């Protein structure tokens, strides 16, 4: 049995995905990235099983890319889309100190992770033993299904928990790292 709840939820969620960056082919071009910001698969927050429903998800044509979910640390801009792999973020790093710091740290081998700030207008409680299909996958209760979601921003994180993506940058060619959660390619 499902129990709808109109209470909004505001969460910063990470995916279990590897991330890679690649330098621009021309020195004047910004570094590009592309990756899965949220897999759309169930995750555990504290002791609560949750999943973000991509049906009706909303986001701006250009979405902020921050460092550590800090509005004062703007690192880039991304376009979002829902794919079979999850919520895809593709964009560019800014030439400012934060975008350059993310790239420089990665060039030195720092394993950046990614996280998405998701606001749910409502959630649905899936009771123990009940099932539902979310993002094409069957989920089982107990679980909270985040509905009518809005993506506020995506972030590069030094650490974001067990559901996060590790980031590795390459200065020569695009590199895809595949995990069981998602695929992220940064160019």
N, C-alpha and C. Protein backbone atom coordinates (compact mmCIF):
# COMPACT_ATOMS: atom_id res chain seq x y z
N UNK A 1 0.83 -1.18 0.00
CA UNK A 1 0.00 0.00 0.00
C UNK A 1 0.87 1.24 0.00
N UNK A 2 0.48 2.25 -0.76
CA UNK A 2 1.21 3.50 -0.85
C UNK A 2 0.47 4.57 -0.07
N UNK A 3 1.22 5.39 0.63
CA UNK A 3 0.64 6.49 1.38
C UNK A 3 1.22 7.80 0.84
N UNK A 4 0.41 8.63 0.12
CA UNK A 4 0.94 9.89 -0.38
C UNK A 4 1.12 10.89 0.76
N UNK A 5 2.12 11.74 0.63
CA UNK A 5 2.37 12.76 1.63
C UNK A 5 2.75 14.05 0.93
N UNK A 6 2.03 15.15 1.18
CA UNK A 6 2.32 16.40 0.49
C UNK A 6 3.51 17.16 1.07
N UNK A 7 4.18 16.62 2.07
CA UNK A 7 5.29 17.31 2.71
C UNK A 7 6.48 17.39 1.76
N UNK A 8 7.02 18.60 1.54
CA UNK A 8 8.20 18.72 0.67
C UNK A 8 9.46 18.18 1.33
N UNK A 9 10.38 17.69 0.51
CA UNK A 9 11.68 17.22 0.97
C UNK A 9 12.76 17.98 0.22
N UNK A 10 13.83 18.38 0.89
CA UNK A 10 14.99 19.02 0.27
C UNK A 10 16.22 18.22 0.65
N UNK A 11 16.82 17.51 -0.32
CA UNK A 11 17.96 16.65 -0.03
C UNK A 11 19.10 16.92 -1.00
N UNK A 12 20.31 16.71 -0.54
CA UNK A 12 21.50 16.75 -1.39
C UNK A 12 21.96 15.32 -1.53
N UNK A 13 21.84 14.77 -2.73
CA UNK A 13 22.06 13.35 -2.98
C UNK A 13 23.27 13.12 -3.87
N UNK A 14 23.96 12.06 -3.63
CA UNK A 14 25.13 11.72 -4.42
C UNK A 14 24.89 10.39 -5.13
N UNK A 15 25.67 10.15 -6.19
CA UNK A 15 25.56 8.90 -6.92
C UNK A 15 26.85 8.10 -6.76
N UNK A 16 26.77 6.81 -6.94
CA UNK A 16 27.95 5.95 -6.87
C UNK A 16 28.60 5.85 -8.23
N UNK A 17 29.19 6.94 -8.69
CA UNK A 17 29.68 7.02 -10.05
C UNK A 17 31.08 7.58 -10.10
N UNK A 18 31.90 7.08 -11.00
CA UNK A 18 33.21 7.67 -11.22
C UNK A 18 33.08 8.86 -12.16
N UNK A 19 33.95 9.85 -12.01
CA UNK A 19 33.92 11.07 -12.80
C UNK A 19 35.29 11.28 -13.42
N UNK A 20 35.33 11.78 -14.65
CA UNK A 20 36.60 12.09 -15.31
C UNK A 20 36.48 13.43 -16.01
N UNK A 21 37.58 14.20 -16.06
CA UNK A 21 37.63 15.47 -16.79
C UNK A 21 38.70 15.36 -17.86
N UNK A 22 38.51 16.07 -18.95
CA UNK A 22 39.49 16.10 -20.03
C UNK A 22 39.72 17.54 -20.42
N UNK A 23 40.96 17.93 -20.63
CA UNK A 23 41.30 19.29 -21.03
C UNK A 23 40.74 19.59 -22.41
N UNK A 24 40.44 20.85 -22.66
CA UNK A 24 39.97 21.28 -23.97
C UNK A 24 41.06 21.06 -25.01
N UNK A 25 40.65 20.84 -26.26
CA UNK A 25 41.63 20.63 -27.33
C UNK A 25 42.28 21.93 -27.76
N UNK A 26 41.60 23.04 -27.54
CA UNK A 26 42.15 24.37 -27.84
C UNK A 26 42.26 25.10 -26.51
N UNK A 27 43.38 25.78 -26.28
CA UNK A 27 43.64 26.40 -24.98
C UNK A 27 42.55 27.40 -24.57
N UNK A 28 41.86 28.01 -25.52
CA UNK A 28 40.85 29.01 -25.18
C UNK A 28 39.49 28.38 -24.86
N UNK A 29 39.32 27.08 -25.10
CA UNK A 29 38.05 26.42 -24.80
C UNK A 29 38.00 26.01 -23.34
N UNK A 30 36.82 26.10 -22.72
CA UNK A 30 36.71 25.64 -21.33
C UNK A 30 36.70 24.12 -21.26
N UNK A 31 37.07 23.59 -20.11
CA UNK A 31 37.00 22.14 -19.91
C UNK A 31 35.55 21.73 -19.82
N UNK A 32 35.22 20.65 -20.49
CA UNK A 32 33.84 20.14 -20.53
C UNK A 32 33.71 18.92 -19.63
N UNK A 33 32.49 18.67 -19.22
CA UNK A 33 32.21 17.47 -18.44
C UNK A 33 30.83 16.95 -18.80
N UNK A 34 30.62 15.68 -18.54
CA UNK A 34 29.33 15.04 -18.74
C UNK A 34 29.25 13.88 -17.78
N UNK A 35 28.16 13.76 -17.05
CA UNK A 35 28.08 12.66 -16.11
C UNK A 35 26.71 12.49 -15.49
N UNK A 36 26.52 11.40 -14.82
CA UNK A 36 25.26 11.10 -14.16
C UNK A 36 25.26 11.75 -12.78
N UNK A 37 24.34 12.71 -12.58
CA UNK A 37 24.25 13.42 -11.31
C UNK A 37 23.41 12.65 -10.30
N UNK A 38 22.47 11.84 -10.77
CA UNK A 38 21.66 10.98 -9.91
C UNK A 38 21.25 9.77 -10.73
N UNK A 39 21.40 8.58 -10.16
CA UNK A 39 21.13 7.36 -10.92
C UNK A 39 19.64 7.03 -11.02
N UNK A 40 18.80 7.62 -10.15
CA UNK A 40 17.39 7.26 -10.15
C UNK A 40 17.12 5.92 -9.50
N UNK A 41 18.10 5.38 -8.82
CA UNK A 41 17.98 4.10 -8.12
C UNK A 41 17.82 4.35 -6.63
N UNK A 42 17.30 3.38 -5.89
CA UNK A 42 17.14 3.55 -4.45
C UNK A 42 18.46 3.79 -3.73
N UNK A 43 18.39 4.54 -2.64
CA UNK A 43 19.55 4.82 -1.80
C UNK A 43 19.05 4.85 -0.35
N UNK A 44 19.99 4.85 0.57
CA UNK A 44 19.65 4.90 1.99
C UNK A 44 20.15 6.21 2.56
N UNK A 45 19.27 6.94 3.21
CA UNK A 45 19.64 8.18 3.89
C UNK A 45 19.35 7.96 5.37
N UNK A 46 20.41 7.84 6.17
CA UNK A 46 20.24 7.45 7.56
C UNK A 46 19.76 6.01 7.59
N UNK A 47 18.55 5.79 8.06
CA UNK A 47 17.98 4.44 8.03
C UNK A 47 16.72 4.37 7.18
N UNK A 48 16.59 5.36 6.26
CA UNK A 48 15.40 5.44 5.40
C UNK A 48 15.77 5.12 3.96
N UNK A 49 15.08 4.15 3.35
CA UNK A 49 15.25 3.84 1.94
C UNK A 49 14.47 4.88 1.14
N UNK A 50 15.13 5.46 0.11
CA UNK A 50 14.50 6.51 -0.70
C UNK A 50 14.86 6.32 -2.16
N UNK A 51 14.07 6.96 -3.03
CA UNK A 51 14.36 6.99 -4.46
C UNK A 51 13.78 8.29 -5.04
N UNK A 52 14.50 8.88 -6.00
CA UNK A 52 14.05 10.08 -6.70
C UNK A 52 13.30 9.62 -7.95
N UNK A 53 12.04 10.03 -8.08
CA UNK A 53 11.25 9.70 -9.27
C UNK A 53 11.54 10.76 -10.34
N UNK A 54 12.01 10.32 -11.51
CA UNK A 54 12.33 11.25 -12.59
C UNK A 54 11.09 11.71 -13.37
N UNK A 55 9.96 11.05 -13.18
CA UNK A 55 8.75 11.45 -13.89
C UNK A 55 8.36 12.87 -13.46
N UNK A 56 8.27 13.77 -14.41
CA UNK A 56 7.90 15.15 -14.12
C UNK A 56 9.00 15.97 -13.47
N UNK A 57 10.24 15.46 -13.47
CA UNK A 57 11.34 16.19 -12.85
C UNK A 57 11.55 17.53 -13.56
N UNK A 58 11.91 18.54 -12.80
CA UNK A 58 12.10 19.88 -13.36
C UNK A 58 13.52 20.36 -13.09
N UNK A 59 14.05 21.12 -14.04
CA UNK A 59 15.37 21.73 -13.90
C UNK A 59 15.46 22.86 -14.90
N UNK A 60 16.37 23.79 -14.64
CA UNK A 60 16.57 24.93 -15.53
C UNK A 60 17.33 24.47 -16.79
N UNK A 61 17.23 25.28 -17.84
CA UNK A 61 17.96 24.98 -19.07
C UNK A 61 19.47 24.93 -18.79
N UNK A 62 19.94 25.77 -17.89
CA UNK A 62 21.33 25.76 -17.45
C UNK A 62 21.32 25.68 -15.93
N UNK A 63 22.00 24.69 -15.40
CA UNK A 63 22.00 24.42 -13.97
C UNK A 63 23.38 24.71 -13.39
N UNK A 64 23.40 25.31 -12.21
CA UNK A 64 24.67 25.62 -11.54
C UNK A 64 25.42 24.36 -11.14
N UNK A 65 26.73 24.42 -11.28
CA UNK A 65 27.62 23.37 -10.79
C UNK A 65 28.49 24.04 -9.73
N UNK A 66 28.37 23.55 -8.49
CA UNK A 66 29.07 24.15 -7.36
C UNK A 66 30.12 23.21 -6.80
N UNK A 67 30.86 23.69 -5.83
CA UNK A 67 31.76 22.85 -5.04
C UNK A 67 31.13 22.75 -3.65
N UNK A 68 30.89 21.52 -3.21
CA UNK A 68 30.40 21.25 -1.86
C UNK A 68 29.05 21.93 -1.56
N UNK A 69 28.19 22.04 -2.56
CA UNK A 69 26.87 22.65 -2.42
C UNK A 69 26.93 24.07 -1.87
N UNK A 70 28.04 24.76 -2.10
CA UNK A 70 28.22 26.12 -1.59
C UNK A 70 27.95 27.13 -2.70
N UNK A 71 26.93 27.97 -2.52
CA UNK A 71 26.58 28.97 -3.52
C UNK A 71 27.69 29.98 -3.77
N UNK A 72 28.63 30.08 -2.87
CA UNK A 72 29.77 30.98 -3.05
C UNK A 72 30.93 30.35 -3.79
N UNK A 73 30.77 29.09 -4.17
CA UNK A 73 31.86 28.37 -4.85
C UNK A 73 31.35 27.81 -6.18
N UNK A 74 31.02 28.69 -7.10
CA UNK A 74 30.48 28.32 -8.41
C UNK A 74 31.63 27.81 -9.28
N UNK A 75 31.49 26.57 -9.79
CA UNK A 75 32.57 25.94 -10.55
C UNK A 75 32.23 25.73 -12.02
N UNK A 76 30.94 25.78 -12.40
CA UNK A 76 30.59 25.52 -13.78
C UNK A 76 29.10 25.65 -14.02
N UNK A 77 28.71 25.24 -15.23
CA UNK A 77 27.30 25.26 -15.62
C UNK A 77 27.02 24.00 -16.42
N UNK A 78 25.82 23.42 -16.21
CA UNK A 78 25.47 22.15 -16.88
C UNK A 78 24.08 22.21 -17.45
N UNK A 79 23.86 21.42 -18.48
CA UNK A 79 22.53 21.15 -19.00
C UNK A 79 22.17 19.75 -18.50
N UNK A 80 20.94 19.57 -18.03
CA UNK A 80 20.50 18.30 -17.48
C UNK A 80 19.52 17.61 -18.43
N UNK A 81 19.52 16.29 -18.40
CA UNK A 81 18.55 15.50 -19.14
C UNK A 81 18.43 14.13 -18.47
N UNK A 82 17.26 13.52 -18.62
CA UNK A 82 17.05 12.18 -18.08
C UNK A 82 17.34 11.16 -19.17
N UNK A 83 18.22 10.21 -18.87
CA UNK A 83 18.59 9.15 -19.81
C UNK A 83 18.31 7.80 -19.15
N UNK A 84 18.57 6.74 -19.88
CA UNK A 84 18.40 5.40 -19.32
C UNK A 84 19.34 5.16 -18.14
N UNK A 85 20.46 5.88 -18.08
CA UNK A 85 21.43 5.73 -17.00
C UNK A 85 21.12 6.59 -15.78
N UNK A 86 20.26 7.59 -15.95
CA UNK A 86 19.93 8.48 -14.84
C UNK A 86 19.87 9.92 -15.29
N UNK A 87 20.09 10.83 -14.35
CA UNK A 87 20.06 12.26 -14.63
C UNK A 87 21.43 12.69 -15.12
N UNK A 88 21.52 13.01 -16.41
CA UNK A 88 22.79 13.36 -17.04
C UNK A 88 23.04 14.85 -16.93
N UNK A 89 24.22 15.23 -16.46
CA UNK A 89 24.66 16.63 -16.41
C UNK A 89 25.83 16.78 -17.38
N UNK A 90 25.67 17.68 -18.37
CA UNK A 90 26.75 17.94 -19.34
C UNK A 90 27.00 19.43 -19.37
N UNK A 91 28.26 19.84 -19.30
CA UNK A 91 28.52 21.27 -19.29
C UNK A 91 29.99 21.61 -19.33
N UNK A 92 30.30 22.79 -18.78
CA UNK A 92 31.67 23.30 -18.79
C UNK A 92 32.06 23.80 -17.40
N UNK A 93 33.34 23.69 -17.12
CA UNK A 93 33.89 24.32 -15.92
C UNK A 93 34.15 25.78 -16.23
N UNK A 94 33.96 26.63 -15.24
CA UNK A 94 34.28 28.03 -15.40
C UNK A 94 35.79 28.24 -15.30
N UNK A 95 36.25 29.36 -15.82
CA UNK A 95 37.67 29.70 -15.73
C UNK A 95 38.01 30.38 -14.41
N UNK A 96 37.05 30.46 -13.49
CA UNK A 96 37.30 31.12 -12.21
C UNK A 96 38.11 30.22 -11.27
N UNK A 97 38.39 30.71 -10.07
CA UNK A 97 39.23 29.96 -9.13
C UNK A 97 38.62 28.61 -8.75
N UNK A 98 37.30 28.53 -8.66
CA UNK A 98 36.67 27.28 -8.22
C UNK A 98 36.67 26.23 -9.32
N UNK A 99 36.34 26.61 -10.55
CA UNK A 99 36.40 25.67 -11.66
C UNK A 99 37.82 25.18 -11.90
N UNK A 100 38.77 26.10 -11.83
CA UNK A 100 40.17 25.73 -12.04
C UNK A 100 40.69 24.87 -10.89
N UNK A 101 40.22 25.13 -9.67
CA UNK A 101 40.67 24.33 -8.52
C UNK A 101 40.17 22.89 -8.63
N UNK A 102 38.92 22.71 -9.09
CA UNK A 102 38.39 21.36 -9.28
C UNK A 102 39.25 20.62 -10.31
N UNK A 103 39.53 21.26 -11.44
CA UNK A 103 40.34 20.63 -12.49
C UNK A 103 41.76 20.35 -12.01
N UNK A 104 42.38 21.33 -11.34
CA UNK A 104 43.77 21.17 -10.88
C UNK A 104 43.89 20.04 -9.86
N UNK A 105 42.97 19.98 -8.91
CA UNK A 105 43.02 18.92 -7.90
C UNK A 105 42.87 17.55 -8.56
N UNK A 106 41.98 17.46 -9.53
CA UNK A 106 41.79 16.20 -10.23
C UNK A 106 43.02 15.82 -11.04
N UNK A 107 43.65 16.82 -11.68
CA UNK A 107 44.87 16.56 -12.45
C UNK A 107 45.95 15.95 -11.56
N UNK A 108 45.90 16.30 -10.27
CA UNK A 108 46.88 15.77 -9.31
C UNK A 108 46.42 14.46 -8.69
N UNK A 109 45.27 13.93 -9.16
CA UNK A 109 44.80 12.63 -8.71
C UNK A 109 43.74 12.66 -7.62
N UNK A 110 43.22 13.85 -7.27
CA UNK A 110 42.20 13.90 -6.22
C UNK A 110 40.91 13.26 -6.72
N UNK A 111 40.30 12.35 -5.94
CA UNK A 111 39.10 11.62 -6.38
C UNK A 111 37.79 12.36 -6.06
N UNK A 112 37.47 13.39 -6.83
CA UNK A 112 36.22 14.14 -6.63
C UNK A 112 35.01 13.21 -6.71
N UNK A 113 33.97 13.56 -6.00
CA UNK A 113 32.70 12.87 -6.05
C UNK A 113 31.63 13.87 -6.46
N UNK A 114 30.47 13.39 -6.91
CA UNK A 114 29.39 14.30 -7.32
C UNK A 114 28.14 14.08 -6.48
N UNK A 115 27.34 15.15 -6.41
CA UNK A 115 26.12 15.13 -5.63
C UNK A 115 25.11 16.07 -6.29
N UNK A 116 23.83 15.77 -6.17
CA UNK A 116 22.76 16.63 -6.73
C UNK A 116 21.86 17.12 -5.60
N UNK A 117 21.47 18.37 -5.67
CA UNK A 117 20.54 18.96 -4.71
C UNK A 117 19.14 18.79 -5.29
N UNK A 118 18.35 17.92 -4.66
CA UNK A 118 17.01 17.57 -5.16
C UNK A 118 15.96 18.06 -4.17
N UNK A 119 14.98 18.80 -4.68
CA UNK A 119 13.84 19.20 -3.87
C UNK A 119 12.62 18.43 -4.37
N UNK A 120 11.93 17.76 -3.45
CA UNK A 120 10.71 17.03 -3.81
C UNK A 120 9.52 17.80 -3.27
N UNK A 121 8.55 18.10 -4.12
CA UNK A 121 7.35 18.81 -3.69
C UNK A 121 6.51 17.94 -2.76
N UNK A 122 6.64 16.62 -2.93
CA UNK A 122 5.90 15.69 -2.08
C UNK A 122 6.63 14.36 -2.10
N UNK A 123 6.24 13.48 -1.23
CA UNK A 123 6.78 12.13 -1.25
C UNK A 123 5.67 11.14 -0.98
N UNK A 124 5.93 9.92 -1.41
CA UNK A 124 4.97 8.83 -1.23
C UNK A 124 5.65 7.76 -0.39
N UNK A 125 4.97 7.29 0.63
CA UNK A 125 5.52 6.25 1.47
C UNK A 125 5.05 4.89 0.96
N UNK A 126 6.00 4.07 0.57
CA UNK A 126 5.73 2.72 0.13
C UNK A 126 5.92 1.81 1.35
N UNK A 127 4.84 1.20 1.80
CA UNK A 127 4.87 0.41 3.02
C UNK A 127 5.61 -0.90 2.83
N UNK A 128 6.06 -1.48 3.92
CA UNK A 128 6.82 -2.73 3.91
C UNK A 128 6.05 -3.81 3.14
N UNK A 129 6.76 -4.46 2.22
CA UNK A 129 6.16 -5.53 1.43
C UNK A 129 5.49 -5.06 0.15
N UNK A 130 5.19 -3.78 0.04
CA UNK A 130 4.57 -3.25 -1.18
C UNK A 130 5.65 -2.98 -2.22
N UNK A 131 5.25 -2.96 -3.50
CA UNK A 131 6.19 -2.67 -4.58
C UNK A 131 5.62 -1.57 -5.46
N UNK A 132 6.52 -0.90 -6.19
CA UNK A 132 6.13 0.12 -7.15
C UNK A 132 7.22 0.17 -8.23
N UNK A 133 6.88 0.71 -9.39
CA UNK A 133 7.86 0.90 -10.44
C UNK A 133 8.24 2.37 -10.47
N UNK A 134 9.54 2.63 -10.31
CA UNK A 134 10.07 4.00 -10.32
C UNK A 134 11.25 4.04 -11.29
N UNK A 135 11.17 4.92 -12.27
CA UNK A 135 12.23 5.06 -13.27
C UNK A 135 12.51 3.75 -14.00
N UNK A 136 11.46 2.97 -14.21
CA UNK A 136 11.58 1.71 -14.94
C UNK A 136 12.08 0.54 -14.12
N UNK A 137 12.27 0.73 -12.81
CA UNK A 137 12.77 -0.33 -11.94
C UNK A 137 11.77 -0.58 -10.81
N UNK A 138 11.61 -1.85 -10.47
CA UNK A 138 10.72 -2.18 -9.36
C UNK A 138 11.44 -1.91 -8.04
N UNK A 139 10.77 -1.20 -7.14
CA UNK A 139 11.30 -0.95 -5.80
C UNK A 139 10.34 -1.56 -4.79
N UNK A 140 10.88 -1.94 -3.63
CA UNK A 140 10.08 -2.56 -2.59
C UNK A 140 10.14 -1.73 -1.31
N UNK A 141 9.00 -1.67 -0.63
CA UNK A 141 8.93 -0.95 0.63
C UNK A 141 9.54 -1.76 1.76
N UNK A 142 9.87 -1.07 2.84
CA UNK A 142 9.53 0.32 3.08
C UNK A 142 10.47 1.25 2.31
N UNK A 143 9.89 2.31 1.73
CA UNK A 143 10.65 3.27 0.94
C UNK A 143 9.87 4.57 0.82
N UNK A 144 10.61 5.68 0.79
CA UNK A 144 10.00 6.96 0.45
C UNK A 144 10.33 7.26 -1.00
N UNK A 145 9.30 7.52 -1.80
CA UNK A 145 9.48 7.87 -3.21
C UNK A 145 9.34 9.38 -3.32
N UNK A 146 10.42 10.04 -3.71
CA UNK A 146 10.41 11.50 -3.87
C UNK A 146 9.72 11.83 -5.18
N UNK A 147 8.63 12.61 -5.13
CA UNK A 147 7.82 12.92 -6.31
C UNK A 147 7.88 14.41 -6.64
N UNK A 148 7.57 14.74 -7.90
CA UNK A 148 7.53 16.14 -8.36
C UNK A 148 8.81 16.87 -7.96
N UNK A 149 9.93 16.31 -8.37
CA UNK A 149 11.24 16.82 -7.95
C UNK A 149 11.75 17.96 -8.83
N UNK A 150 12.56 18.81 -8.21
CA UNK A 150 13.27 19.89 -8.88
C UNK A 150 14.74 19.76 -8.53
N UNK A 151 15.60 19.85 -9.54
CA UNK A 151 17.04 19.83 -9.31
C UNK A 151 17.49 21.28 -9.18
N UNK A 152 18.07 21.63 -8.05
CA UNK A 152 18.51 23.00 -7.79
C UNK A 152 19.92 23.23 -8.30
N UNK A 153 20.81 22.24 -8.12
CA UNK A 153 22.19 22.34 -8.57
C UNK A 153 22.84 20.98 -8.45
N UNK A 154 24.02 20.84 -9.07
CA UNK A 154 24.86 19.65 -8.87
C UNK A 154 26.20 20.16 -8.35
N UNK A 155 26.88 19.31 -7.58
CA UNK A 155 28.13 19.73 -6.95
C UNK A 155 29.23 18.69 -7.08
N UNK A 156 30.46 19.20 -7.12
CA UNK A 156 31.64 18.37 -6.93
C UNK A 156 31.91 18.38 -5.43
N UNK A 157 32.15 17.19 -4.87
CA UNK A 157 32.33 17.05 -3.43
C UNK A 157 33.65 16.35 -3.12
N UNK A 158 34.36 16.80 -2.08
CA UNK A 158 35.56 16.06 -1.68
C UNK A 158 35.18 14.70 -1.10
N UNK A 159 34.10 14.64 -0.36
CA UNK A 159 33.50 13.39 0.11
C UNK A 159 32.02 13.65 0.27
N UNK A 160 31.21 12.70 -0.15
CA UNK A 160 29.77 12.90 -0.07
C UNK A 160 29.05 11.65 0.38
N UNK A 161 29.75 10.72 0.93
CA UNK A 161 29.09 9.52 1.44
C UNK A 161 29.23 8.35 0.49
N UNK A 162 28.63 7.22 0.86
CA UNK A 162 28.81 5.99 0.10
C UNK A 162 28.13 5.99 -1.26
N UNK A 163 27.22 6.90 -1.54
CA UNK A 163 26.53 6.92 -2.83
C UNK A 163 27.18 7.88 -3.82
N UNK A 164 28.41 8.29 -3.60
CA UNK A 164 29.04 9.34 -4.39
C UNK A 164 29.89 8.81 -5.53
N UNK A 165 30.29 9.72 -6.38
CA UNK A 165 31.09 9.39 -7.55
C UNK A 165 32.51 9.86 -7.35
N UNK A 166 33.47 9.03 -7.67
CA UNK A 166 34.87 9.45 -7.64
C UNK A 166 35.20 10.13 -8.96
N UNK A 167 36.00 11.19 -8.91
CA UNK A 167 36.33 11.95 -10.11
C UNK A 167 37.82 11.85 -10.42
N UNK A 168 38.15 11.57 -11.66
CA UNK A 168 39.53 11.54 -12.13
C UNK A 168 39.57 12.35 -13.41
N UNK A 169 40.57 13.20 -13.57
CA UNK A 169 40.66 14.05 -14.74
C UNK A 169 41.77 13.57 -15.65
N UNK A 170 41.58 13.73 -16.95
CA UNK A 170 42.60 13.37 -17.93
C UNK A 170 42.88 14.58 -18.79
N UNK A 171 44.13 14.84 -19.07
CA UNK A 171 44.49 16.00 -19.87
C UNK A 171 44.58 15.66 -21.35
N UNK A 172 44.39 14.40 -21.73
CA UNK A 172 44.62 14.02 -23.11
C UNK A 172 43.41 13.51 -23.86
N UNK A 173 42.54 12.74 -23.26
CA UNK A 173 41.42 12.18 -24.00
C UNK A 173 40.23 11.92 -23.07
N UNK A 174 39.01 11.87 -23.64
CA UNK A 174 37.85 11.55 -22.81
C UNK A 174 37.99 10.16 -22.21
N UNK A 175 37.59 10.01 -20.96
CA UNK A 175 37.66 8.73 -20.28
C UNK A 175 36.34 8.45 -19.59
N UNK A 176 35.79 7.30 -19.79
CA UNK A 176 34.55 6.92 -19.11
C UNK A 176 34.88 5.91 -18.03
N UNK A 177 34.36 6.13 -16.85
CA UNK A 177 34.50 5.18 -15.75
C UNK A 177 33.11 4.64 -15.47
N UNK A 178 32.97 3.33 -15.43
CA UNK A 178 31.66 2.72 -15.27
C UNK A 178 31.57 2.07 -13.89
N UNK A 179 30.47 2.35 -13.20
CA UNK A 179 30.20 1.68 -11.94
C UNK A 179 28.82 1.05 -12.03
N UNK A 180 28.39 0.39 -10.99
CA UNK A 180 27.07 -0.22 -11.01
C UNK A 180 25.97 0.83 -10.92
N UNK A 181 26.29 2.05 -10.55
CA UNK A 181 25.29 3.09 -10.37
C UNK A 181 25.09 3.92 -11.64
N UNK A 182 26.17 4.32 -12.33
CA UNK A 182 26.04 5.25 -13.44
C UNK A 182 27.33 5.39 -14.20
N UNK A 183 27.31 6.20 -15.24
CA UNK A 183 28.49 6.49 -16.05
C UNK A 183 28.65 8.01 -16.10
N UNK A 184 29.88 8.52 -15.90
CA UNK A 184 30.13 9.94 -16.04
C UNK A 184 31.35 10.13 -16.92
N UNK A 185 31.25 11.01 -17.90
CA UNK A 185 32.33 11.32 -18.81
C UNK A 185 32.56 12.82 -18.75
N UNK A 186 33.77 13.23 -18.43
CA UNK A 186 34.11 14.65 -18.37
C UNK A 186 35.22 14.90 -19.37
N UNK A 187 35.02 15.89 -20.26
CA UNK A 187 35.95 16.13 -21.35
C UNK A 187 36.72 17.41 -21.15
